[in-house]
Amino acid sequence: MDMLLRQLYQDQASKDHTCAIMVLKKDDSSFLSTDGFDAIILLISDEANELHSKHYEAMGKRVAFHTMSQDMMHHSLITGNQRRLIDWLVNGKIVYDRNEFMQDVKIRIDSFPPGDRSKKLTMQFAKLLRRFEEGKTLFNQGFVLDGFSNLFHALHHLARIAVIKDGFYPEVTVWEQVKKIEPEIHKLYQEALNSEEGLDKRIELLILALEVAIISKLELGTTHFLEVLRSIEGEASISDLLVIPEVQEYRIDLELVLNVLIEKGFVSIVKRETPAKAIFQTKYKINNFL
């Protein structure tokens, strides 16, 4: 198997654009997700926006060869949109590493720098708000199962916040992580799944628990965005905020985050006159006590 895999990646190791190559075999760990393949080869490239895959079969073994740019890899580490990637980077075997590039990535994952952590917390908090608001609305409109589905997703985002807060990347086995880190959230998860109460009652209890959690996690979950607001001189319109590069990963939910911060007194509304009589444009500024 090793000889077969080496034939696929050895030519790539000599190319200038190759930063690192990792190999993951299905038999190495029962926890690794190889998407049904017997092995995964992951090549990290310094070419911009490179992302492609090839599939191979030899000697009855199926292999997937993925190439990803280092910019996309770092973006995925921040956004968490490819959770299997964390497993691959942590558990994969390094077979080529130019200037210890991948060793530095592994150190970054282990240390989880505060800047990365702060942004991931706000992203997860924004998603928590979105799922919570949609779930509560659907439930109140009588769409019980759809409401429960969204609220259950909100609970997942709450779990990821707990894991990130403790300095870890949320993994595929996030509930095992939460069980050790914040047992109260794990208990809420178990009750939502296994309680003998009717579904309506479980949803009502879940809504109450999530409302409390949102308030308790508000400052932690919005730290990144609050830092962005502090960096702005004076007030800013929603248009000003939506184009800031630092908020792009959660811009789709930014208005929800902003409204909660206004409701809880962290941000103030500033009214500015417009040419239309009695119509004001609203702008926003962080309150001085923060």
C-alpha atoms as a PDB file:
ATOM      1  CA  MET A   1       0.000   0.000   0.000  1.00  0.00           C
ATOM      2  CA  ASP A   2       2.780   2.466   0.940  1.00  0.00           C
ATOM      3  CA  MET A   3       4.597   1.801  -2.343  1.00  0.00           C
ATOM      4  CA  LEU A   4       1.386   2.369  -4.292  1.00  0.00           C
ATOM      5  CA  LEU A   5       0.746   5.691  -2.574  1.00  0.00           C
ATOM      6  CA  ARG A   6       4.345   6.815  -3.010  1.00  0.00           C
ATOM      7  CA  GLN A   7       4.024   6.409  -6.770  1.00  0.00           C
ATOM      8  CA  LEU A   8       1.134   8.875  -6.742  1.00  0.00           C
ATOM      9  CA  TYR A   9       2.753  11.669  -4.755  1.00  0.00           C
ATOM     10  CA  GLN A  10       6.519  11.387  -5.221  1.00  0.00           C
ATOM     11  CA  ASP A  11       6.624  13.484  -8.418  1.00  0.00           C
ATOM     12  CA  GLN A  12       4.628  16.264  -6.684  1.00  0.00           C
ATOM     13  CA  ALA A  13       7.170  16.541  -3.869  1.00  0.00           C
ATOM     14  CA  SER A  14       9.787  17.936  -6.269  1.00  0.00           C
ATOM     15  CA  LYS A  15       7.533  20.740  -7.582  1.00  0.00           C
ATOM     16  CA  ASP A  16       8.063  24.310  -6.394  1.00  0.00           C
ATOM     17  CA  HIS A  17       4.406  24.924  -5.508  1.00  0.00           C
ATOM     18  CA  THR A  18       4.146  21.963  -3.107  1.00  0.00           C
ATOM     19  CA  CYS A  19       4.222  22.996   0.568  1.00  0.00           C
ATOM     20  CA  ALA A  20       3.382  19.642   2.142  1.00  0.00           C
ATOM     21  CA  ILE A  21       1.936  16.214   1.440  1.00  0.00           C
ATOM     22  CA  MET A  22       0.062  14.077   3.958  1.00  0.00           C
ATOM     23  CA  VAL A  23      -1.192  10.504   3.756  1.00  0.00           C
ATOM     24  CA  LEU A  24      -4.099   9.003   5.676  1.00  0.00           C
ATOM     25  CA  LYS A  25      -4.939   5.317   5.493  1.00  0.00           C
ATOM     26  CA  LYS A  26      -8.313   3.916   6.452  1.00  0.00           C
ATOM     27  CA  ASP A  27      -6.758   1.292   8.704  1.00  0.00           C
ATOM     28  CA  ASP A  28      -4.678   3.799  10.704  1.00  0.00           C
ATOM     29  CA  SER A  29      -7.537   4.935  12.939  1.00  0.00           C
ATOM     30  CA  SER A  30     -11.194   4.078  13.338  1.00  0.00           C
ATOM     31  CA  PHE A  31     -11.843   7.792  13.951  1.00  0.00           C
ATOM     32  CA  LEU A  32     -10.483   9.041  10.636  1.00  0.00           C
ATOM     33  CA  SER A  33     -12.986   9.906   7.929  1.00  0.00           C
ATOM     34  CA  THR A  34     -11.625   8.821   4.556  1.00  0.00           C
ATOM     35  CA  ASP A  35     -14.949   9.254   2.729  1.00  0.00           C
ATOM     36  CA  GLY A  36     -15.085   5.554   1.860  1.00  0.00           C
ATOM     37  CA  PHE A  37     -11.615   5.458   0.290  1.00  0.00           C
ATOM     38  CA  ASP A  38      -8.830   3.180   1.446  1.00  0.00           C
ATOM     39  CA  ALA A  39      -6.455   6.121   1.585  1.00  0.00           C
ATOM     40  CA  ILE A  40      -6.361   9.899   1.239  1.00  0.00           C
ATOM     41  CA  ILE A  41      -3.441  11.927  -0.091  1.00  0.00           C
ATOM     42  CA  LEU A  42      -3.624  15.621   0.808  1.00  0.00           C
ATOM     43  CA  LEU A  43      -1.306  18.065  -0.963  1.00  0.00           C
ATOM     44  CA  ILE A  44      -1.078  21.671   0.244  1.00  0.00           C
ATOM     45  CA  SER A  45       0.013  24.084  -2.483  1.00  0.00           C
ATOM     46  CA  ASP A  46       1.111  27.714  -2.426  1.00  0.00           C
ATOM     47  CA  GLU A  47      -0.722  28.406  -5.685  1.00  0.00           C
ATOM     48  CA  ALA A  48      -3.703  30.696  -5.141  1.00  0.00           C
ATOM     49  CA  ASN A  49      -7.213  29.224  -5.068  1.00  0.00           C
ATOM     50  CA  GLU A  50      -6.049  25.769  -6.088  1.00  0.00           C
ATOM     51  CA  LEU A  51      -8.590  23.094  -5.221  1.00  0.00           C
ATOM     52  CA  HIS A  52      -9.069  19.850  -7.118  1.00  0.00           C
ATOM     53  CA  SER A  53      -9.313  16.115  -6.589  1.00  0.00           C
ATOM     54  CA  LYS A  54      -8.432  12.943  -8.481  1.00  0.00           C
ATOM     55  CA  HIS A  55      -9.501   9.372  -7.749  1.00  0.00           C
ATOM     56  CA  TYR A  56      -7.401   6.278  -8.390  1.00  0.00           C
ATOM     57  CA  GLU A  57      -7.816   2.525  -8.075  1.00  0.00           C
ATOM     58  CA  ALA A  58      -5.029  -0.059  -8.003  1.00  0.00           C
ATOM     59  CA  MET A  59      -4.673  -3.550  -6.540  1.00  0.00           C
ATOM     60  CA  GLY A  60      -8.265  -3.353  -5.307  1.00  0.00           C
ATOM     61  CA  LYS A  61      -7.594  -0.185  -3.293  1.00  0.00           C
ATOM     62  CA  ARG A  62      -9.299   3.165  -3.894  1.00  0.00           C
ATOM     63  CA  VAL A  63      -7.360   6.382  -3.305  1.00  0.00           C
ATOM     64  CA  ALA A  64      -8.476  10.037  -3.316  1.00  0.00           C
ATOM     65  CA  PHE A  65      -5.822  12.663  -4.058  1.00  0.00           C
ATOM     66  CA  HIS A  66      -6.870  16.148  -2.882  1.00  0.00           C
ATOM     67  CA  THR A  67      -4.931  19.326  -3.681  1.00  0.00           C
ATOM     68  CA  MET A  68      -5.714  22.484  -1.698  1.00  0.00           C
ATOM     69  CA  SER A  69      -4.079  25.900  -1.594  1.00  0.00           C
ATOM     70  CA  GLN A  70      -2.617  26.989   1.730  1.00  0.00           C
ATOM     71  CA  ASP A  71      -4.958  30.015   1.718  1.00  0.00           C
ATOM     72  CA  MET A  72      -7.982  27.727   1.434  1.00  0.00           C
ATOM     73  CA  MET A  73      -6.604  25.472   4.158  1.00  0.00           C
ATOM     74  CA  HIS A  74      -6.158  28.398   6.579  1.00  0.00           C
ATOM     75  CA  HIS A  75      -9.623  29.717   5.656  1.00  0.00           C
ATOM     76  CA  SER A  76     -11.136  26.292   6.409  1.00  0.00           C
ATOM     77  CA  LEU A  77      -9.367  26.206   9.781  1.00  0.00           C
ATOM     78  CA  ILE A  78     -11.040  29.515  10.689  1.00  0.00           C
ATOM     79  CA  THR A  79     -14.494  28.846   9.273  1.00  0.00           C
ATOM     80  CA  GLY A  80     -14.711  25.177  10.254  1.00  0.00           C
ATOM     81  CA  ASN A  81     -16.527  24.448   6.986  1.00  0.00           C
ATOM     82  CA  GLN A  82     -14.489  21.250   6.539  1.00  0.00           C
ATOM     83  CA  ARG A  83     -14.329  19.625   9.961  1.00  0.00           C
ATOM     84  CA  ARG A  84     -12.771  16.462   8.529  1.00  0.00           C
ATOM     85  CA  LEU A  85      -9.803  18.627   7.492  1.00  0.00           C
ATOM     86  CA  ILE A  86      -8.867  19.131  11.145  1.00  0.00           C
ATOM     87  CA  ASP A  87      -8.756  15.349  11.593  1.00  0.00           C
ATOM     88  CA  TRP A  88      -6.646  14.961   8.476  1.00  0.00           C
ATOM     89  CA  LEU A  89      -4.166  17.657   9.480  1.00  0.00           C
ATOM     90  CA  VAL A  90      -3.869  16.396  13.058  1.00  0.00           C
ATOM     91  CA  ASN A  91      -3.759  12.667  12.385  1.00  0.00           C
ATOM     92  CA  GLY A  92      -2.320  12.395   8.872  1.00  0.00           C
ATOM     93  CA  LYS A  93       1.242  11.197   8.293  1.00  0.00           C
ATOM     94  CA  ILE A  94       3.512  13.878   6.833  1.00  0.00           C
ATOM     95  CA  VAL A  95       5.452  12.435   3.891  1.00  0.00           C
ATOM     96  CA  TYR A  96       6.791  15.738   2.552  1.00  0.00           C
ATOM     97  CA  ASP A  97       7.151  19.046   4.401  1.00  0.00           C
ATOM     98  CA  ARG A  98       8.902  22.022   2.781  1.00  0.00           C
ATOM     99  CA  ASN A  99      10.564  24.230   5.389  1.00  0.00           C
ATOM    100  CA  GLU A 100       8.468  22.545   8.123  1.00  0.00           C
ATOM    101  CA  PHE A 101       5.306  24.155   6.755  1.00  0.00           C
ATOM    102  CA  MET A 102       2.991  21.420   8.050  1.00  0.00           C
ATOM    103  CA  GLN A 103       4.733  21.230  11.416  1.00  0.00           C
ATOM    104  CA  ASP A 104       3.941  24.935  11.845  1.00  0.00           C
ATOM    105  CA  VAL A 105       0.295  24.271  10.909  1.00  0.00           C
ATOM    106  CA  LYS A 106       0.088  21.510  13.508  1.00  0.00           C
ATOM    107  CA  ILE A 107       1.563  23.853  16.129  1.00  0.00           C
ATOM    108  CA  ARG A 108      -1.024  26.475  15.183  1.00  0.00           C
ATOM    109  CA  ILE A 109      -3.819  23.918  15.607  1.00  0.00           C
ATOM    110  CA  ASP A 110      -2.429  22.786  18.971  1.00  0.00           C
ATOM    111  CA  SER A 111      -1.934  26.313  20.304  1.00  0.00           C
ATOM    112  CA  PHE A 112      -5.123  27.704  18.684  1.00  0.00           C
ATOM    113  CA  PRO A 113      -3.970  31.380  18.655  1.00  0.00           C
ATOM    114  CA  PRO A 114      -6.318  33.851  20.406  1.00  0.00           C
ATOM    115  CA  GLY A 115      -7.056  35.709  17.159  1.00  0.00           C
ATOM    116  CA  ASP A 116      -8.245  32.529  15.437  1.00  0.00           C
ATOM    117  CA  ARG A 117     -10.194  31.525  18.528  1.00  0.00           C
ATOM    118  CA  SER A 118     -11.956  34.892  18.846  1.00  0.00           C
ATOM    119  CA  LYS A 119     -13.129  34.879  15.229  1.00  0.00           C
ATOM    120  CA  LYS A 120     -14.330  31.262  15.414  1.00  0.00           C
ATOM    121  CA  LEU A 121     -16.273  32.057  18.592  1.00  0.00           C
ATOM    122  CA  THR A 122     -18.115  34.928  16.910  1.00  0.00           C
ATOM    123  CA  MET A 123     -18.816  32.821  13.825  1.00  0.00           C
ATOM    124  CA  GLN A 124     -20.310  30.041  15.942  1.00  0.00           C
ATOM    125  CA  PHE A 125     -22.278  32.525  18.068  1.00  0.00           C
ATOM    126  CA  ALA A 126     -23.722  34.112  14.912  1.00  0.00           C
ATOM    127  CA  LYS A 127     -24.785  30.677  13.647  1.00  0.00           C
ATOM    128  CA  LEU A 128     -26.250  29.895  17.075  1.00  0.00           C
ATOM    129  CA  LEU A 129     -28.383  33.050  16.867  1.00  0.00           C
ATOM    130  CA  ARG A 130     -29.532  32.248  13.325  1.00  0.00           C
ATOM    131  CA  ARG A 131     -30.600  28.689  14.125  1.00  0.00           C
ATOM    132  CA  PHE A 132     -32.223  29.758  17.389  1.00  0.00           C
ATOM    133  CA  GLU A 133     -34.290  32.533  15.805  1.00  0.00           C
ATOM    134  CA  GLU A 134     -35.384  30.352  12.891  1.00  0.00           C
ATOM    135  CA  GLY A 135     -36.182  27.397  15.149  1.00  0.00           C
ATOM    136  CA  LYS A 136     -38.234  29.454  17.594  1.00  0.00           C
ATOM    137  CA  THR A 137     -40.148  31.141  14.752  1.00  0.00           C
ATOM    138  CA  LEU A 138     -40.938  27.851  13.010  1.00  0.00           C
ATOM    139  CA  PHE A 139     -42.096  26.265  16.265  1.00  0.00           C
ATOM    140  CA  ASN A 140     -44.369  29.211  17.055  1.00  0.00           C
ATOM    141  CA  GLN A 141     -45.837  28.930  13.568  1.00  0.00           C
ATOM    142  CA  GLY A 142     -46.705  25.274  14.179  1.00  0.00           C
ATOM    143  CA  PHE A 143     -43.853  23.678  12.216  1.00  0.00           C
ATOM    144  CA  VAL A 144     -42.769  21.561  15.150  1.00  0.00           C
ATOM    145  CA  LEU A 145     -40.255  19.203  13.500  1.00  0.00           C
ATOM    146  CA  ASP A 146     -38.598  21.969  11.492  1.00  0.00           C
ATOM    147  CA  GLY A 147     -38.403  24.081  14.635  1.00  0.00           C
ATOM    148  CA  PHE A 148     -36.821  21.231  16.577  1.00  0.00           C
ATOM    149  CA  SER A 149     -34.296  20.597  13.801  1.00  0.00           C
ATOM    150  CA  ASN A 150     -33.102  24.207  13.849  1.00  0.00           C
ATOM    151  CA  LEU A 151     -32.969  24.391  17.638  1.00  0.00           C
ATOM    152  CA  PHE A 152     -30.974  21.171  17.727  1.00  0.00           C
ATOM    153  CA  HIS A 153     -28.502  22.719  15.287  1.00  0.00           C
ATOM    154  CA  ALA A 154     -28.329  25.741  17.588  1.00  0.00           C
ATOM    155  CA  LEU A 155     -27.352  23.375  20.386  1.00  0.00           C
ATOM    156  CA  HIS A 156     -24.503  22.055  18.209  1.00  0.00           C
ATOM    157  CA  HIS A 157     -23.181  25.593  17.764  1.00  0.00           C
ATOM    158  CA  LEU A 158     -23.404  26.132  21.521  1.00  0.00           C
ATOM    159  CA  ALA A 159     -21.351  22.973  21.998  1.00  0.00           C
ATOM    160  CA  ARG A 160     -18.703  24.214  19.572  1.00  0.00           C
ATOM    161  CA  ILE A 161     -18.510  27.515  21.443  1.00  0.00           C
ATOM    162  CA  ALA A 162     -17.750  25.597  24.644  1.00  0.00           C
ATOM    163  CA  VAL A 163     -14.982  23.614  22.932  1.00  0.00           C
ATOM    164  CA  ILE A 164     -13.412  26.675  21.276  1.00  0.00           C
ATOM    165  CA  LYS A 165     -13.556  28.638  24.551  1.00  0.00           C
ATOM    166  CA  ASP A 166     -11.353  25.968  26.123  1.00  0.00           C
ATOM    167  CA  GLY A 167      -8.783  26.316  23.343  1.00  0.00           C
ATOM    168  CA  PHE A 168      -9.633  23.307  21.169  1.00  0.00           C
ATOM    169  CA  TYR A 169     -10.805  22.986  17.590  1.00  0.00           C
ATOM    170  CA  PRO A 170     -14.258  21.358  17.432  1.00  0.00           C
ATOM    171  CA  GLU A 171     -13.797  17.897  15.967  1.00  0.00           C
ATOM    172  CA  VAL A 172     -16.207  15.434  14.375  1.00  0.00           C
ATOM    173  CA  THR A 173     -16.675  13.941  17.864  1.00  0.00           C
ATOM    174  CA  VAL A 174     -17.666  17.316  19.332  1.00  0.00           C
ATOM    175  CA  TRP A 175     -20.116  15.832  21.846  1.00  0.00           C
ATOM    176  CA  GLU A 176     -17.375  13.700  23.378  1.00  0.00           C
ATOM    177  CA  GLN A 177     -15.319  16.890  23.736  1.00  0.00           C
ATOM    178  CA  VAL A 178     -18.242  18.773  25.322  1.00  0.00           C
ATOM    179  CA  LYS A 179     -18.973  15.933  27.743  1.00  0.00           C
ATOM    180  CA  LYS A 180     -15.594  16.597  29.363  1.00  0.00           C
ATOM    181  CA  ILE A 181     -15.474  20.378  28.934  1.00  0.00           C
ATOM    182  CA  GLU A 182     -19.017  21.541  29.754  1.00  0.00           C
ATOM    183  CA  PRO A 183     -21.214  18.665  31.015  1.00  0.00           C
ATOM    184  CA  GLU A 184     -24.265  20.950  31.381  1.00  0.00           C
ATOM    185  CA  ILE A 185     -24.486  21.382  27.601  1.00  0.00           C
ATOM    186  CA  HIS A 186     -24.046  17.635  27.103  1.00  0.00           C
ATOM    187  CA  LYS A 187     -26.878  17.026  29.574  1.00  0.00           C
ATOM    188  CA  LEU A 188     -29.106  19.439  27.640  1.00  0.00           C
ATOM    189  CA  TYR A 189     -28.286  17.524  24.466  1.00  0.00           C
ATOM    190  CA  GLN A 190     -29.230  14.208  26.112  1.00  0.00           C
ATOM    191  CA  GLU A 191     -32.488  15.620  27.464  1.00  0.00           C
ATOM    192  CA  ALA A 192     -33.460  17.029  24.064  1.00  0.00           C
ATOM    193  CA  LEU A 193     -32.926  13.584  22.543  1.00  0.00           C
ATOM    194  CA  ASN A 194     -34.059  11.170  25.219  1.00  0.00           C
ATOM    195  CA  SER A 195     -36.501  12.923  27.554  1.00  0.00           C
ATOM    196  CA  GLU A 196     -39.853  11.202  28.093  1.00  0.00           C
ATOM    197  CA  GLU A 197     -41.544  14.604  27.736  1.00  0.00           C
ATOM    198  CA  GLY A 198     -43.541  15.257  24.559  1.00  0.00           C
ATOM    199  CA  LEU A 199     -41.751  16.968  21.677  1.00  0.00           C
ATOM    200  CA  ASP A 200     -43.542  20.291  22.232  1.00  0.00           C
ATOM    201  CA  LYS A 201     -42.446  20.370  25.878  1.00  0.00           C
ATOM    202  CA  ARG A 202     -38.867  19.427  24.962  1.00  0.00           C
ATOM    203  CA  ILE A 203     -38.754  22.261  22.437  1.00  0.00           C
ATOM    204  CA  GLU A 204     -40.098  24.776  24.978  1.00  0.00           C
ATOM    205  CA  LEU A 205     -37.427  23.720  27.480  1.00  0.00           C
ATOM    206  CA  LEU A 206     -34.756  23.885  24.781  1.00  0.00           C
ATOM    207  CA  ILE A 207     -35.819  27.413  23.826  1.00  0.00           C
ATOM    208  CA  LEU A 208     -35.571  28.543  27.453  1.00  0.00           C
ATOM    209  CA  ALA A 209     -32.160  26.921  27.903  1.00  0.00           C
ATOM    210  CA  LEU A 210     -30.811  28.443  24.679  1.00  0.00           C
ATOM    211  CA  GLU A 211     -32.118  31.905  25.632  1.00  0.00           C
ATOM    212  CA  VAL A 212     -30.168  31.691  28.895  1.00  0.00           C
ATOM    213  CA  ALA A 213     -27.087  30.392  27.055  1.00  0.00           C
ATOM    214  CA  ILE A 214     -27.203  33.214  24.496  1.00  0.00           C
ATOM    215  CA  ILE A 215     -27.231  35.825  27.264  1.00  0.00           C
ATOM    216  CA  SER A 216     -24.427  34.116  29.200  1.00  0.00           C
ATOM    217  CA  LYS A 217     -22.244  33.672  26.095  1.00  0.00           C
ATOM    218  CA  LEU A 218     -23.033  37.056  24.541  1.00  0.00           C
ATOM    219  CA  GLU A 219     -19.861  38.950  25.425  1.00  0.00           C
ATOM    220  CA  LEU A 220     -17.627  35.934  24.785  1.00  0.00           C
ATOM    221  CA  GLY A 221     -19.364  35.121  21.514  1.00  0.00           C
ATOM    222  CA  THR A 222     -19.197  38.669  20.142  1.00  0.00           C
ATOM    223  CA  THR A 223     -15.676  39.596  21.266  1.00  0.00           C
ATOM    224  CA  HIS A 224     -14.308  39.570  17.729  1.00  0.00           C
ATOM    225  CA  PHE A 225     -17.036  41.842  16.357  1.00  0.00           C
ATOM    226  CA  LEU A 226     -16.808  44.172  19.355  1.00  0.00           C
ATOM    227  CA  GLU A 227     -13.071  44.533  18.676  1.00  0.00           C
ATOM    228  CA  VAL A 228     -13.911  45.438  15.082  1.00  0.00           C
ATOM    229  CA  LEU A 229     -16.344  48.109  16.323  1.00  0.00           C
ATOM    230  CA  ARG A 230     -13.713  49.508  18.714  1.00  0.00           C
ATOM    231  CA  SER A 231     -11.352  50.001  15.781  1.00  0.00           C
ATOM    232  CA  ILE A 232     -13.862  52.261  13.992  1.00  0.00           C
ATOM    233  CA  GLU A 233     -13.741  55.988  14.685  1.00  0.00           C
ATOM    234  CA  GLY A 234     -17.244  57.301  15.334  1.00  0.00           C
ATOM    235  CA  GLU A 235     -20.341  55.510  14.096  1.00  0.00           C
ATOM    236  CA  ALA A 236     -20.744  53.128  11.162  1.00  0.00           C
ATOM    237  CA  SER A 237     -23.662  52.215   8.903  1.00  0.00           C
ATOM    238  CA  ILE A 238     -24.565  48.607   8.192  1.00  0.00           C
ATOM    239  CA  SER A 239     -23.054  49.059   4.713  1.00  0.00           C
ATOM    240  CA  ASP A 240     -19.777  50.168   6.309  1.00  0.00           C
ATOM    241  CA  LEU A 241     -19.760  47.106   8.550  1.00  0.00           C
ATOM    242  CA  LEU A 242     -20.611  44.553   5.869  1.00  0.00           C
ATOM    243  CA  VAL A 243     -17.573  45.394   3.734  1.00  0.00           C
ATOM    244  CA  ILE A 244     -14.994  45.057   6.528  1.00  0.00           C
ATOM    245  CA  PRO A 245     -12.711  42.122   5.584  1.00  0.00           C
ATOM    246  CA  GLU A 246     -12.546  40.849   9.179  1.00  0.00           C
ATOM    247  CA  VAL A 247     -16.302  40.123   9.342  1.00  0.00           C
ATOM    248  CA  GLN A 248     -16.697  38.376   5.991  1.00  0.00           C
ATOM    249  CA  GLU A 249     -16.869  34.898   7.534  1.00  0.00           C
ATOM    250  CA  TYR A 250     -20.014  35.835   9.491  1.00  0.00           C
ATOM    251  CA  ARG A 251     -21.402  38.771   7.487  1.00  0.00           C
ATOM    252  CA  ILE A 252     -24.530  36.797   6.506  1.00  0.00           C
ATOM    253  CA  ASP A 253     -25.594  36.781  10.183  1.00  0.00           C
ATOM    254  CA  LEU A 254     -24.069  40.137  11.132  1.00  0.00           C
ATOM    255  CA  GLU A 255     -27.396  41.959  11.467  1.00  0.00           C
ATOM    256  CA  LEU A 256     -28.618  39.362  13.976  1.00  0.00           C
ATOM    257  CA  VAL A 257     -25.455  39.809  16.044  1.00  0.00           C
ATOM    258  CA  LEU A 258     -25.783  43.589  15.856  1.00  0.00           C
ATOM    259  CA  ASN A 259     -29.429  43.559  16.971  1.00  0.00           C
ATOM    260  CA  VAL A 260     -28.670  41.403  20.008  1.00  0.00           C
ATOM    261  CA  LEU A 261     -25.826  43.744  21.000  1.00  0.00           C
ATOM    262  CA  ILE A 262     -28.187  46.718  20.684  1.00  0.00           C
ATOM    263  CA  GLU A 263     -30.862  44.957  22.744  1.00  0.00           C
ATOM    264  CA  LYS A 264     -28.380  44.177  25.520  1.00  0.00           C
ATOM    265  CA  GLY A 265     -26.867  47.669  25.582  1.00  0.00           C
ATOM    266  CA  PHE A 266     -23.450  46.909  24.103  1.00  0.00           C
ATOM    267  CA  VAL A 267     -24.108  49.010  20.975  1.00  0.00           C
ATOM    268  CA  SER A 268     -26.088  52.217  20.506  1.00  0.00           C
ATOM    269  CA  ILE A 269     -28.147  53.425  17.559  1.00  0.00           C
ATOM    270  CA  VAL A 270     -27.298  56.863  16.149  1.00  0.00           C
ATOM    271  CA  LYS A 271     -29.964  58.526  13.998  1.00  0.00           C
ATOM    272  CA  ARG A 272     -28.909  60.682  11.063  1.00  0.00           C
ATOM    273  CA  GLU A 273     -31.298  62.839   9.037  1.00  0.00           C
ATOM    274  CA  THR A 274     -32.030  62.006   5.417  1.00  0.00           C
ATOM    275  CA  PRO A 275     -33.555  64.203   2.670  1.00  0.00           C
ATOM    276  CA  ALA A 276     -36.900  62.490   3.350  1.00  0.00           C
ATOM    277  CA  LYS A 277     -38.920  64.141   6.104  1.00  0.00           C
ATOM    278  CA  ALA A 278     -39.187  62.172   9.379  1.00  0.00           C
ATOM    279  CA  ILE A 279     -36.990  59.348   8.006  1.00  0.00           C
ATOM    280  CA  PHE A 280     -33.613  58.733   9.600  1.00  0.00           C
ATOM    281  CA  GLN A 281     -30.707  56.529   8.637  1.00  0.00           C
ATOM    282  CA  THR A 282     -29.516  54.448  11.557  1.00  0.00           C
ATOM    283  CA  LYS A 283     -25.839  54.067  12.307  1.00  0.00           C
ATOM    284  CA  TYR A 284     -24.120  52.223  15.123  1.00  0.00           C
ATOM    285  CA  LYS A 285     -21.377  52.742  17.682  1.00  0.00           C
ATOM    286  CA  ILE A 286     -19.988  50.723  20.542  1.00  0.00           C
ATOM    287  CA  ASN A 287     -20.838  52.014  24.018  1.00  0.00           C
ATOM    288  CA  ASN A 288     -18.036  53.638  25.986  1.00  0.00           C
ATOM    289  CA  PHE A 289     -18.306  51.398  29.039  1.00  0.00           C
ATOM    290  CA  LEU A 290     -16.934  48.403  27.092  1.00  0.00           C
END
